[in-house]
């Protein structure tokens, strides 16, 4: 089981605050270098695994939020594009639209030709923009949301790799300890 190779692969740097886990090649050398006994090493690794799980839950929540936000931004872009297209045709008929007042409560609106739209920015703030400005702002927000989602997906993959490495390390340390106990029991049985 023991070998002369180094105890672990090169330490992986953290990614956006997520500490990297290193794969343990030689458990004996790992325990010696870290100055831990088997139980302390297992406790440390279990704690690190729990930290990874907490970070994973937070990242998954952020991912769900972004995945819900992207379709909303796309709908807003479609509405602004529809208003701009209607303005260009010269129709006199008002545009009829249903909109959500609060959850489950909708109202019908008649939208006359308009050069501006109001965008809900959050935190009880709504601003009026020209259709062109609104399109530019929404497009920028959509690009930012997609970029953030891509980063989150990469972070989640990195995190899952760290969880797997930590689980394998826990199994290797535990199995090494079982193997050492059997060797000691066999030696004790031969001595008696």
N, C-alpha and C. Protein backbone atom coordinates (compact mmCIF):
# COMPACT_ATOMS: atom_id res chain seq x y z
N UNK A 1 0.82 -1.19 0.00
CA UNK A 1 0.00 0.00 0.00
C UNK A 1 0.86 1.25 0.00
N UNK A 2 1.91 1.23 0.80
CA UNK A 2 2.78 2.41 0.87
C UNK A 2 3.70 2.41 -0.34
N UNK A 3 3.96 3.60 -0.82
CA UNK A 3 4.88 3.73 -1.94
C UNK A 3 5.75 4.94 -1.71
N UNK A 4 6.77 5.05 -2.52
CA UNK A 4 7.70 6.16 -2.33
C UNK A 4 7.26 7.42 -3.07
N UNK A 5 6.12 7.35 -3.78
CA UNK A 5 5.66 8.55 -4.48
C UNK A 5 5.11 9.55 -3.48
N UNK A 6 4.94 10.75 -3.95
CA UNK A 6 4.45 11.79 -3.05
C UNK A 6 3.06 11.43 -2.55
N UNK A 7 2.67 12.01 -1.42
CA UNK A 7 1.43 11.64 -0.77
C UNK A 7 0.21 12.15 -1.51
N UNK A 8 0.34 13.21 -2.23
CA UNK A 8 -0.82 13.74 -2.91
C UNK A 8 -0.40 14.45 -4.19
N UNK A 9 -1.39 14.63 -5.05
CA UNK A 9 -1.11 15.36 -6.27
C UNK A 9 -0.91 16.83 -5.92
N UNK A 10 -0.42 17.62 -6.86
CA UNK A 10 -0.22 19.03 -6.55
C UNK A 10 -1.52 19.65 -6.04
N UNK A 11 -1.38 20.52 -5.07
CA UNK A 11 -2.54 21.13 -4.45
C UNK A 11 -3.24 22.01 -5.48
N UNK A 12 -4.55 21.79 -5.61
CA UNK A 12 -5.34 22.55 -6.54
C UNK A 12 -5.71 23.87 -5.89
N UNK A 13 -5.48 24.94 -6.59
CA UNK A 13 -5.82 26.26 -6.04
C UNK A 13 -7.33 26.38 -5.92
N UNK A 14 -7.75 27.29 -5.11
CA UNK A 14 -9.18 27.48 -4.96
C UNK A 14 -9.76 28.16 -6.19
N UNK A 15 -11.04 27.97 -6.39
CA UNK A 15 -11.74 28.60 -7.50
C UNK A 15 -12.89 29.40 -6.90
N UNK A 16 -12.81 30.70 -7.01
CA UNK A 16 -13.84 31.61 -6.52
C UNK A 16 -14.25 31.27 -5.08
N UNK A 17 -13.25 31.05 -4.23
CA UNK A 17 -13.51 30.80 -2.82
C UNK A 17 -13.75 29.35 -2.45
N UNK A 18 -13.77 28.47 -3.43
CA UNK A 18 -13.97 27.04 -3.16
C UNK A 18 -12.59 26.40 -3.06
N UNK A 19 -12.21 25.92 -1.87
CA UNK A 19 -10.87 25.33 -1.74
C UNK A 19 -10.75 24.04 -2.54
N UNK A 20 -9.59 23.84 -3.12
CA UNK A 20 -9.34 22.64 -3.90
C UNK A 20 -8.96 21.47 -3.02
N UNK A 21 -9.35 20.29 -3.42
CA UNK A 21 -8.99 19.07 -2.72
C UNK A 21 -7.87 18.39 -3.49
N UNK A 22 -6.96 17.76 -2.77
CA UNK A 22 -5.88 17.06 -3.45
C UNK A 22 -6.05 15.56 -3.26
N UNK A 23 -5.77 14.82 -4.31
CA UNK A 23 -5.91 13.37 -4.27
C UNK A 23 -4.74 12.77 -3.49
N UNK A 24 -5.04 11.88 -2.59
CA UNK A 24 -4.02 11.26 -1.75
C UNK A 24 -3.57 9.95 -2.39
N UNK A 25 -2.30 9.91 -2.78
CA UNK A 25 -1.73 8.68 -3.34
C UNK A 25 -1.31 7.72 -2.25
N UNK A 26 -0.60 8.24 -1.25
CA UNK A 26 -0.05 7.42 -0.18
C UNK A 26 -0.59 7.94 1.15
N UNK A 27 -1.45 7.15 1.77
CA UNK A 27 -2.13 7.58 2.99
C UNK A 27 -1.13 7.78 4.14
N UNK A 28 -0.17 6.87 4.27
CA UNK A 28 0.81 6.97 5.36
C UNK A 28 1.58 8.30 5.28
N UNK A 29 2.04 8.63 4.09
CA UNK A 29 2.78 9.88 3.92
C UNK A 29 1.86 11.07 4.15
N UNK A 30 0.62 10.98 3.69
CA UNK A 30 -0.36 12.06 3.90
C UNK A 30 -0.57 12.31 5.39
N UNK A 31 -0.74 11.24 6.15
CA UNK A 31 -0.96 11.39 7.60
C UNK A 31 0.27 11.94 8.29
N UNK A 32 1.45 11.49 7.87
CA UNK A 32 2.69 11.98 8.47
C UNK A 32 2.90 13.46 8.16
N UNK A 33 2.72 13.83 6.90
CA UNK A 33 2.92 15.23 6.51
C UNK A 33 1.90 16.17 7.13
N UNK A 34 0.66 15.70 7.28
CA UNK A 34 -0.37 16.57 7.84
C UNK A 34 -0.33 16.57 9.37
N UNK A 35 0.38 15.61 9.97
CA UNK A 35 0.48 15.55 11.43
C UNK A 35 -0.80 15.11 12.10
N UNK A 36 -1.63 14.37 11.38
CA UNK A 36 -2.92 13.92 11.92
C UNK A 36 -2.92 12.42 12.12
N UNK A 37 -3.73 11.99 13.09
CA UNK A 37 -3.99 10.55 13.18
C UNK A 37 -5.18 10.24 12.27
N UNK A 38 -5.52 8.97 12.15
CA UNK A 38 -6.56 8.56 11.21
C UNK A 38 -7.90 9.22 11.55
N UNK A 39 -8.29 9.20 12.82
CA UNK A 39 -9.58 9.77 13.21
C UNK A 39 -9.64 11.27 12.95
N UNK A 40 -8.57 11.97 13.25
CA UNK A 40 -8.53 13.42 13.00
C UNK A 40 -8.59 13.71 11.51
N UNK A 41 -7.87 12.92 10.71
CA UNK A 41 -7.89 13.11 9.26
C UNK A 41 -9.29 12.86 8.71
N UNK A 42 -9.94 11.79 9.18
CA UNK A 42 -11.30 11.50 8.72
C UNK A 42 -12.26 12.60 9.14
N UNK A 43 -12.11 13.11 10.35
CA UNK A 43 -12.98 14.20 10.82
C UNK A 43 -12.77 15.45 9.97
N UNK A 44 -11.51 15.77 9.68
CA UNK A 44 -11.21 16.93 8.84
C UNK A 44 -11.82 16.77 7.45
N UNK A 45 -11.65 15.60 6.87
CA UNK A 45 -12.17 15.36 5.52
C UNK A 45 -13.70 15.39 5.50
N UNK A 46 -14.33 14.85 6.55
CA UNK A 46 -15.80 14.88 6.63
C UNK A 46 -16.29 16.32 6.76
N UNK A 47 -15.58 17.11 7.55
CA UNK A 47 -15.95 18.52 7.70
C UNK A 47 -15.81 19.26 6.37
N UNK A 48 -14.74 19.00 5.66
CA UNK A 48 -14.54 19.62 4.35
C UNK A 48 -15.64 19.20 3.38
N UNK A 49 -16.04 17.93 3.45
CA UNK A 49 -17.11 17.43 2.59
C UNK A 49 -18.42 18.16 2.89
N UNK A 50 -18.71 18.39 4.17
CA UNK A 50 -19.91 19.12 4.55
C UNK A 50 -19.86 20.57 4.05
N UNK A 51 -18.69 21.17 4.12
CA UNK A 51 -18.54 22.54 3.61
C UNK A 51 -18.82 22.58 2.11
N UNK A 52 -18.33 21.58 1.40
CA UNK A 52 -18.59 21.51 -0.04
C UNK A 52 -20.09 21.37 -0.30
N UNK A 53 -20.78 20.57 0.49
CA UNK A 53 -22.22 20.37 0.30
C UNK A 53 -22.99 21.67 0.54
N UNK A 54 -22.57 22.45 1.53
CA UNK A 54 -23.24 23.73 1.81
C UNK A 54 -23.03 24.70 0.65
N UNK A 55 -21.80 24.76 0.15
CA UNK A 55 -21.51 25.64 -0.99
C UNK A 55 -22.30 25.17 -2.21
N UNK A 56 -22.42 23.87 -2.40
CA UNK A 56 -23.18 23.34 -3.53
C UNK A 56 -24.64 23.76 -3.46
N UNK A 57 -25.22 23.71 -2.26
CA UNK A 57 -26.62 24.13 -2.10
C UNK A 57 -26.78 25.61 -2.47
N UNK A 58 -25.84 26.44 -2.05
CA UNK A 58 -25.91 27.87 -2.37
C UNK A 58 -25.78 28.11 -3.87
N UNK A 59 -24.84 27.41 -4.50
CA UNK A 59 -24.65 27.58 -5.94
C UNK A 59 -25.86 27.08 -6.73
N UNK A 60 -26.46 25.99 -6.27
CA UNK A 60 -27.64 25.47 -6.96
C UNK A 60 -28.81 26.46 -6.84
N UNK A 61 -28.93 27.11 -5.68
CA UNK A 61 -29.98 28.12 -5.51
C UNK A 61 -29.74 29.30 -6.45
N UNK A 62 -28.49 29.73 -6.56
CA UNK A 62 -28.16 30.82 -7.49
C UNK A 62 -28.45 30.41 -8.93
N UNK A 63 -28.16 29.16 -9.25
CA UNK A 63 -28.40 28.66 -10.60
C UNK A 63 -29.89 28.66 -10.91
N UNK A 64 -30.71 28.21 -9.95
CA UNK A 64 -32.16 28.22 -10.15
C UNK A 64 -32.67 29.65 -10.37
N UNK A 65 -32.16 30.59 -9.57
CA UNK A 65 -32.58 31.98 -9.72
C UNK A 65 -32.24 32.53 -11.10
N UNK A 66 -31.02 32.25 -11.55
CA UNK A 66 -30.62 32.73 -12.88
C UNK A 66 -31.42 32.05 -13.98
N UNK A 67 -31.69 30.76 -13.82
CA UNK A 67 -32.46 30.06 -14.85
C UNK A 67 -33.89 30.58 -14.92
N UNK A 68 -34.40 31.12 -13.82
CA UNK A 68 -35.73 31.73 -13.84
C UNK A 68 -35.67 33.16 -14.38
N UNK A 69 -34.57 33.84 -14.13
CA UNK A 69 -34.41 35.23 -14.54
C UNK A 69 -34.23 35.38 -16.05
N UNK A 70 -33.52 34.47 -16.67
CA UNK A 70 -33.23 34.57 -18.10
C UNK A 70 -34.50 34.56 -18.95
N UNK A 71 -35.45 33.65 -18.72
CA UNK A 71 -36.69 33.71 -19.52
C UNK A 71 -37.48 35.00 -19.29
N UNK A 72 -37.46 35.54 -18.06
CA UNK A 72 -38.15 36.80 -17.79
C UNK A 72 -37.55 37.94 -18.61
N UNK A 73 -36.23 37.99 -18.66
CA UNK A 73 -35.57 39.04 -19.45
C UNK A 73 -35.90 38.87 -20.93
N UNK A 74 -35.90 37.62 -21.40
CA UNK A 74 -36.23 37.38 -22.81
C UNK A 74 -37.66 37.80 -23.12
N UNK A 75 -38.60 37.55 -22.19
CA UNK A 75 -39.99 37.98 -22.39
C UNK A 75 -40.07 39.50 -22.47
N UNK A 76 -39.34 40.18 -21.60
CA UNK A 76 -39.32 41.65 -21.63
C UNK A 76 -38.78 42.16 -22.96
N UNK A 77 -37.72 41.53 -23.44
CA UNK A 77 -37.16 41.92 -24.75
C UNK A 77 -38.19 41.73 -25.85
N UNK A 78 -38.94 40.63 -25.81
CA UNK A 78 -39.97 40.37 -26.81
C UNK A 78 -41.06 41.44 -26.76
N UNK A 79 -41.46 41.84 -25.54
CA UNK A 79 -42.51 42.85 -25.40
C UNK A 79 -42.03 44.18 -25.97
N UNK A 80 -40.82 44.57 -25.64
CA UNK A 80 -40.28 45.84 -26.16
C UNK A 80 -40.17 45.77 -27.68
N UNK A 81 -39.73 44.62 -28.20
CA UNK A 81 -39.63 44.47 -29.67
C UNK A 81 -41.02 44.56 -30.31
N UNK A 82 -42.02 43.99 -29.66
CA UNK A 82 -43.39 44.06 -30.18
C UNK A 82 -43.88 45.51 -30.20
N UNK A 83 -43.61 46.24 -29.13
CA UNK A 83 -44.01 47.65 -29.08
C UNK A 83 -43.31 48.46 -30.17
N UNK A 84 -42.04 48.23 -30.38
CA UNK A 84 -41.31 48.95 -31.42
C UNK A 84 -41.83 48.59 -32.81
N UNK A 85 -42.14 47.30 -33.02
CA UNK A 85 -42.65 46.87 -34.32
C UNK A 85 -44.02 47.48 -34.59
N UNK A 86 -44.89 47.55 -33.56
CA UNK A 86 -46.21 48.13 -33.72
C UNK A 86 -46.11 49.62 -34.01
N UNK A 87 -45.16 50.29 -33.37
CA UNK A 87 -44.98 51.72 -33.57
C UNK A 87 -44.60 52.01 -35.03
N UNK A 88 -43.83 51.12 -35.62
CA UNK A 88 -43.38 51.33 -36.99
C UNK A 88 -44.44 51.08 -38.04
N UNK A 89 -45.50 50.34 -37.73
CA UNK A 89 -46.51 50.01 -38.74
C UNK A 89 -47.53 51.10 -38.93
N UNK A 90 -47.72 51.97 -37.94
CA UNK A 90 -48.68 53.06 -38.06
C UNK A 90 -50.10 52.63 -37.75
N UNK A 91 -50.28 51.46 -37.13
CA UNK A 91 -51.63 51.01 -36.75
C UNK A 91 -52.20 51.95 -35.71
N UNK A 92 -53.53 52.13 -35.77
CA UNK A 92 -54.18 52.97 -34.78
C UNK A 92 -54.83 52.15 -33.68
N UNK A 93 -55.01 50.85 -33.91
CA UNK A 93 -55.60 49.97 -32.90
C UNK A 93 -54.66 49.85 -31.71
N UNK A 94 -55.18 50.01 -30.49
CA UNK A 94 -54.29 49.81 -29.33
C UNK A 94 -53.97 48.32 -29.17
N UNK A 95 -52.83 48.05 -28.60
CA UNK A 95 -52.38 46.68 -28.34
C UNK A 95 -52.99 46.22 -27.02
N UNK A 96 -53.64 45.05 -27.01
CA UNK A 96 -54.22 44.51 -25.79
C UNK A 96 -53.22 43.52 -25.18
N UNK A 97 -53.01 43.66 -23.89
CA UNK A 97 -52.04 42.79 -23.21
C UNK A 97 -52.55 42.44 -21.83
N UNK A 98 -52.32 41.20 -21.42
CA UNK A 98 -52.60 40.77 -20.05
C UNK A 98 -51.29 40.81 -19.30
N UNK A 99 -51.32 41.35 -18.09
CA UNK A 99 -50.11 41.41 -17.28
C UNK A 99 -50.43 41.00 -15.85
N UNK A 100 -49.42 40.51 -15.18
CA UNK A 100 -49.59 40.01 -13.82
C UNK A 100 -49.46 41.17 -12.84
N UNK A 101 -50.52 41.38 -12.04
CA UNK A 101 -50.50 42.41 -11.02
C UNK A 101 -49.80 41.89 -9.78
N UNK A 102 -50.19 40.73 -9.35
CA UNK A 102 -49.51 40.00 -8.28
C UNK A 102 -49.71 38.53 -8.59
N UNK A 103 -49.17 37.69 -7.76
CA UNK A 103 -49.20 36.26 -8.08
C UNK A 103 -50.64 35.77 -8.25
N UNK A 104 -50.94 35.31 -9.46
CA UNK A 104 -52.26 34.76 -9.75
C UNK A 104 -53.31 35.79 -10.10
N UNK A 105 -52.99 37.07 -10.07
CA UNK A 105 -53.95 38.12 -10.40
C UNK A 105 -53.44 38.86 -11.64
N UNK A 106 -54.28 38.84 -12.67
CA UNK A 106 -53.90 39.46 -13.94
C UNK A 106 -54.89 40.58 -14.28
N UNK A 107 -54.42 41.48 -15.09
CA UNK A 107 -55.25 42.58 -15.56
C UNK A 107 -55.00 42.75 -17.06
N UNK A 108 -55.99 43.33 -17.73
CA UNK A 108 -55.86 43.57 -19.17
C UNK A 108 -55.59 45.04 -19.38
N UNK A 109 -54.66 45.34 -20.28
CA UNK A 109 -54.30 46.73 -20.55
C UNK A 109 -54.40 47.00 -22.04
N UNK A 110 -54.75 48.24 -22.36
CA UNK A 110 -54.72 48.72 -23.75
C UNK A 110 -53.51 49.62 -23.87
N UNK A 111 -52.60 49.23 -24.74
CA UNK A 111 -51.35 49.98 -24.89
C UNK A 111 -51.41 50.78 -26.18
N UNK A 112 -51.40 52.09 -26.03
CA UNK A 112 -51.39 52.99 -27.19
C UNK A 112 -49.95 53.07 -27.70
N UNK A 113 -49.76 53.71 -28.83
CA UNK A 113 -48.40 53.91 -29.34
C UNK A 113 -47.58 54.63 -28.27
N UNK A 114 -46.39 54.13 -28.05
CA UNK A 114 -45.55 54.71 -27.01
C UNK A 114 -44.11 54.74 -27.46
N UNK A 115 -43.39 55.71 -26.97
CA UNK A 115 -41.97 55.81 -27.26
C UNK A 115 -41.13 55.35 -26.09
N UNK A 116 -41.78 55.03 -24.97
CA UNK A 116 -41.03 54.65 -23.78
C UNK A 116 -41.72 53.50 -23.06
N UNK A 117 -40.93 52.81 -22.25
CA UNK A 117 -41.45 51.72 -21.41
C UNK A 117 -40.87 51.90 -20.01
N UNK A 118 -41.55 51.33 -19.04
CA UNK A 118 -41.06 51.36 -17.66
C UNK A 118 -40.52 49.97 -17.33
N UNK A 119 -39.34 49.93 -16.80
CA UNK A 119 -38.72 48.66 -16.41
C UNK A 119 -38.61 48.60 -14.90
N UNK A 120 -39.00 47.45 -14.37
CA UNK A 120 -38.90 47.20 -12.93
C UNK A 120 -37.47 46.77 -12.65
N UNK A 121 -36.76 47.57 -11.87
CA UNK A 121 -35.36 47.28 -11.59
C UNK A 121 -35.18 46.52 -10.29
N UNK A 122 -36.24 46.39 -9.51
CA UNK A 122 -36.16 45.72 -8.22
C UNK A 122 -36.03 46.74 -7.10
N UNK A 123 -36.14 46.27 -5.87
CA UNK A 123 -36.04 47.13 -4.69
C UNK A 123 -37.00 48.30 -4.78
N UNK A 124 -38.22 48.03 -5.27
CA UNK A 124 -39.26 49.04 -5.41
C UNK A 124 -38.84 50.21 -6.29
N UNK A 125 -38.06 49.93 -7.32
CA UNK A 125 -37.59 50.96 -8.24
C UNK A 125 -38.04 50.61 -9.65
N UNK A 126 -38.71 51.56 -10.29
CA UNK A 126 -39.11 51.40 -11.68
C UNK A 126 -38.69 52.68 -12.41
N UNK A 127 -38.05 52.51 -13.57
CA UNK A 127 -37.59 53.66 -14.34
C UNK A 127 -38.17 53.61 -15.75
N UNK A 128 -38.37 54.78 -16.30
CA UNK A 128 -38.87 54.89 -17.66
C UNK A 128 -37.69 55.02 -18.61
N UNK A 129 -37.71 54.22 -19.66
CA UNK A 129 -36.66 54.24 -20.68
C UNK A 129 -37.31 54.37 -22.04
N UNK A 130 -36.56 54.91 -22.99
CA UNK A 130 -37.02 54.85 -24.37
C UNK A 130 -36.93 53.38 -24.80
N UNK A 131 -37.64 53.03 -25.84
CA UNK A 131 -37.64 51.63 -26.28
C UNK A 131 -36.23 51.17 -26.65
N UNK A 132 -35.45 52.04 -27.27
CA UNK A 132 -34.09 51.68 -27.66
C UNK A 132 -33.21 51.46 -26.43
N UNK A 133 -33.32 52.38 -25.45
CA UNK A 133 -32.54 52.23 -24.21
C UNK A 133 -32.94 50.97 -23.47
N UNK A 134 -34.25 50.70 -23.43
CA UNK A 134 -34.74 49.50 -22.73
C UNK A 134 -34.20 48.24 -23.40
N UNK A 135 -34.21 48.23 -24.72
CA UNK A 135 -33.68 47.07 -25.44
C UNK A 135 -32.20 46.87 -25.13
N UNK A 136 -31.45 47.96 -25.15
CA UNK A 136 -30.01 47.87 -24.87
C UNK A 136 -29.77 47.38 -23.43
N UNK A 137 -30.52 47.92 -22.47
CA UNK A 137 -30.36 47.52 -21.07
C UNK A 137 -30.74 46.05 -20.87
N UNK A 138 -31.87 45.66 -21.44
CA UNK A 138 -32.30 44.27 -21.29
C UNK A 138 -31.34 43.31 -21.97
N UNK A 139 -30.81 43.70 -23.13
CA UNK A 139 -29.84 42.84 -23.83
C UNK A 139 -28.58 42.67 -22.99
N UNK A 140 -28.13 43.78 -22.39
CA UNK A 140 -26.94 43.72 -21.52
C UNK A 140 -27.21 42.83 -20.30
N UNK A 141 -28.39 42.99 -19.70
CA UNK A 141 -28.75 42.15 -18.55
C UNK A 141 -28.83 40.68 -18.93
N UNK A 142 -29.35 40.39 -20.11
CA UNK A 142 -29.44 39.01 -20.57
C UNK A 142 -28.05 38.41 -20.78
N UNK A 143 -27.16 39.18 -21.39
CA UNK A 143 -25.79 38.69 -21.59
C UNK A 143 -25.09 38.45 -20.25
N UNK A 144 -25.27 39.38 -19.31
CA UNK A 144 -24.68 39.21 -17.97
C UNK A 144 -25.24 37.98 -17.26
N UNK A 145 -26.54 37.77 -17.35
CA UNK A 145 -27.16 36.62 -16.70
C UNK A 145 -26.65 35.31 -17.30
N UNK A 146 -26.52 35.27 -18.62
CA UNK A 146 -26.02 34.05 -19.28
C UNK A 146 -24.56 33.80 -18.92
N UNK A 147 -23.78 34.88 -18.86
CA UNK A 147 -22.37 34.73 -18.47
C UNK A 147 -22.26 34.24 -17.03
N UNK A 148 -23.08 34.79 -16.15
CA UNK A 148 -23.08 34.35 -14.75
C UNK A 148 -23.50 32.89 -14.63
N UNK A 149 -24.47 32.49 -15.44
CA UNK A 149 -24.91 31.10 -15.41
C UNK A 149 -23.80 30.17 -15.89
N UNK A 150 -23.07 30.57 -16.92
CA UNK A 150 -21.94 29.76 -17.40
C UNK A 150 -20.87 29.61 -16.31
N UNK A 151 -20.58 30.70 -15.61
CA UNK A 151 -19.60 30.65 -14.52
C UNK A 151 -20.09 29.74 -13.40
N UNK A 152 -21.37 29.84 -13.08
CA UNK A 152 -21.94 28.99 -12.03
C UNK A 152 -21.86 27.52 -12.40
N UNK A 153 -22.14 27.21 -13.66
CA UNK A 153 -22.07 25.80 -14.10
C UNK A 153 -20.64 25.30 -13.97
N UNK A 154 -19.66 26.13 -14.34
CA UNK A 154 -18.25 25.75 -14.21
C UNK A 154 -17.88 25.57 -12.74
N UNK A 155 -18.36 26.49 -11.89
CA UNK A 155 -18.10 26.37 -10.45
C UNK A 155 -18.70 25.09 -9.87
N UNK A 156 -19.91 24.77 -10.30
CA UNK A 156 -20.55 23.54 -9.82
C UNK A 156 -19.79 22.30 -10.26
N UNK A 157 -19.29 22.30 -11.48
CA UNK A 157 -18.49 21.16 -11.95
C UNK A 157 -17.21 21.03 -11.14
N UNK A 158 -16.54 22.17 -10.90
CA UNK A 158 -15.33 22.16 -10.07
C UNK A 158 -15.66 21.63 -8.68
N UNK A 159 -16.76 22.09 -8.12
CA UNK A 159 -17.17 21.67 -6.78
C UNK A 159 -17.46 20.18 -6.74
N UNK A 160 -18.14 19.67 -7.75
CA UNK A 160 -18.45 18.23 -7.79
C UNK A 160 -17.16 17.41 -7.89
N UNK A 161 -16.18 17.91 -8.63
CA UNK A 161 -14.89 17.23 -8.69
C UNK A 161 -14.23 17.19 -7.31
N UNK A 162 -14.32 18.31 -6.57
CA UNK A 162 -13.71 18.36 -5.24
C UNK A 162 -14.43 17.41 -4.28
N UNK A 163 -15.75 17.31 -4.40
CA UNK A 163 -16.53 16.38 -3.57
C UNK A 163 -16.10 14.94 -3.86
N UNK A 164 -15.95 14.62 -5.14
CA UNK A 164 -15.54 13.27 -5.52
C UNK A 164 -14.14 12.95 -4.99
N UNK A 165 -13.21 13.89 -5.15
CA UNK A 165 -11.85 13.67 -4.66
C UNK A 165 -11.85 13.48 -3.15
N UNK A 166 -12.64 14.29 -2.44
CA UNK A 166 -12.70 14.19 -0.98
C UNK A 166 -13.32 12.86 -0.56
N UNK A 167 -14.37 12.42 -1.24
CA UNK A 167 -14.98 11.14 -0.90
C UNK A 167 -14.02 9.98 -1.14
N UNK A 168 -13.28 10.05 -2.24
CA UNK A 168 -12.29 9.00 -2.52
C UNK A 168 -11.20 9.01 -1.46
N UNK A 169 -10.76 10.20 -1.06
CA UNK A 169 -9.73 10.30 -0.03
C UNK A 169 -10.23 9.74 1.29
N UNK A 170 -11.46 10.03 1.65
CA UNK A 170 -12.05 9.47 2.89
C UNK A 170 -12.03 7.94 2.82
N UNK A 171 -12.46 7.41 1.68
CA UNK A 171 -12.48 5.95 1.52
C UNK A 171 -11.07 5.37 1.60
N UNK A 172 -10.10 6.03 0.99
CA UNK A 172 -8.72 5.53 1.02
C UNK A 172 -8.15 5.55 2.43
N UNK A 173 -8.40 6.64 3.17
CA UNK A 173 -7.89 6.72 4.55
C UNK A 173 -8.56 5.66 5.41
N UNK A 174 -9.87 5.50 5.28
CA UNK A 174 -10.59 4.50 6.07
C UNK A 174 -10.09 3.09 5.75
N UNK A 175 -9.97 2.78 4.46
CA UNK A 175 -9.51 1.44 4.06
C UNK A 175 -8.07 1.19 4.51
N UNK A 176 -7.24 2.21 4.44
CA UNK A 176 -5.87 2.08 4.91
C UNK A 176 -5.87 1.76 6.40
N UNK A 177 -6.72 2.44 7.17
CA UNK A 177 -6.81 2.20 8.61
C UNK A 177 -7.28 0.77 8.90
N UNK A 178 -8.27 0.30 8.16
CA UNK A 178 -8.75 -1.08 8.34
C UNK A 178 -7.62 -2.06 8.03
N UNK A 179 -6.89 -1.80 6.96
CA UNK A 179 -5.78 -2.68 6.58
C UNK A 179 -4.70 -2.69 7.67
N UNK A 180 -4.37 -1.52 8.21
CA UNK A 180 -3.36 -1.45 9.28
C UNK A 180 -3.83 -2.18 10.54
N UNK A 181 -5.09 -2.09 10.86
CA UNK A 181 -5.63 -2.80 12.04
C UNK A 181 -5.53 -4.30 11.85
N UNK A 182 -5.82 -4.77 10.65
CA UNK A 182 -5.73 -6.21 10.37
C UNK A 182 -4.28 -6.69 10.49
N UNK A 183 -3.36 -5.86 9.99
CA UNK A 183 -1.94 -6.23 10.11
C UNK A 183 -1.55 -6.31 11.58
N UNK A 184 -1.98 -5.34 12.38
CA UNK A 184 -1.66 -5.34 13.81
C UNK A 184 -2.31 -6.53 14.52
N UNK A 185 -3.56 -6.86 14.15
CA UNK A 185 -4.21 -8.01 14.76
C UNK A 185 -3.52 -9.32 14.40
N UNK A 186 -3.09 -9.41 13.15
CA UNK A 186 -2.40 -10.61 12.71
C UNK A 186 -1.06 -10.74 13.44
N UNK A 187 -0.36 -9.61 13.61
CA UNK A 187 0.92 -9.63 14.33
C UNK A 187 0.69 -9.99 15.80
N UNK A 188 -0.36 -9.47 16.38
CA UNK A 188 -0.67 -9.78 17.79
C UNK A 188 -1.05 -11.25 17.94
N UNK A 189 -1.75 -11.80 16.96
CA UNK A 189 -2.15 -13.20 17.02
C UNK A 189 -0.92 -14.12 16.90
N UNK A 190 0.06 -13.72 16.07
CA UNK A 190 1.29 -14.52 15.92
C UNK A 190 2.13 -14.48 17.19
N UNK A 191 2.13 -13.31 17.87
CA UNK A 191 2.92 -13.16 19.09
C UNK A 191 2.35 -13.97 20.25
N UNK A 192 1.05 -14.20 20.25
CA UNK A 192 0.46 -14.89 21.39
C UNK A 192 0.32 -16.37 21.20
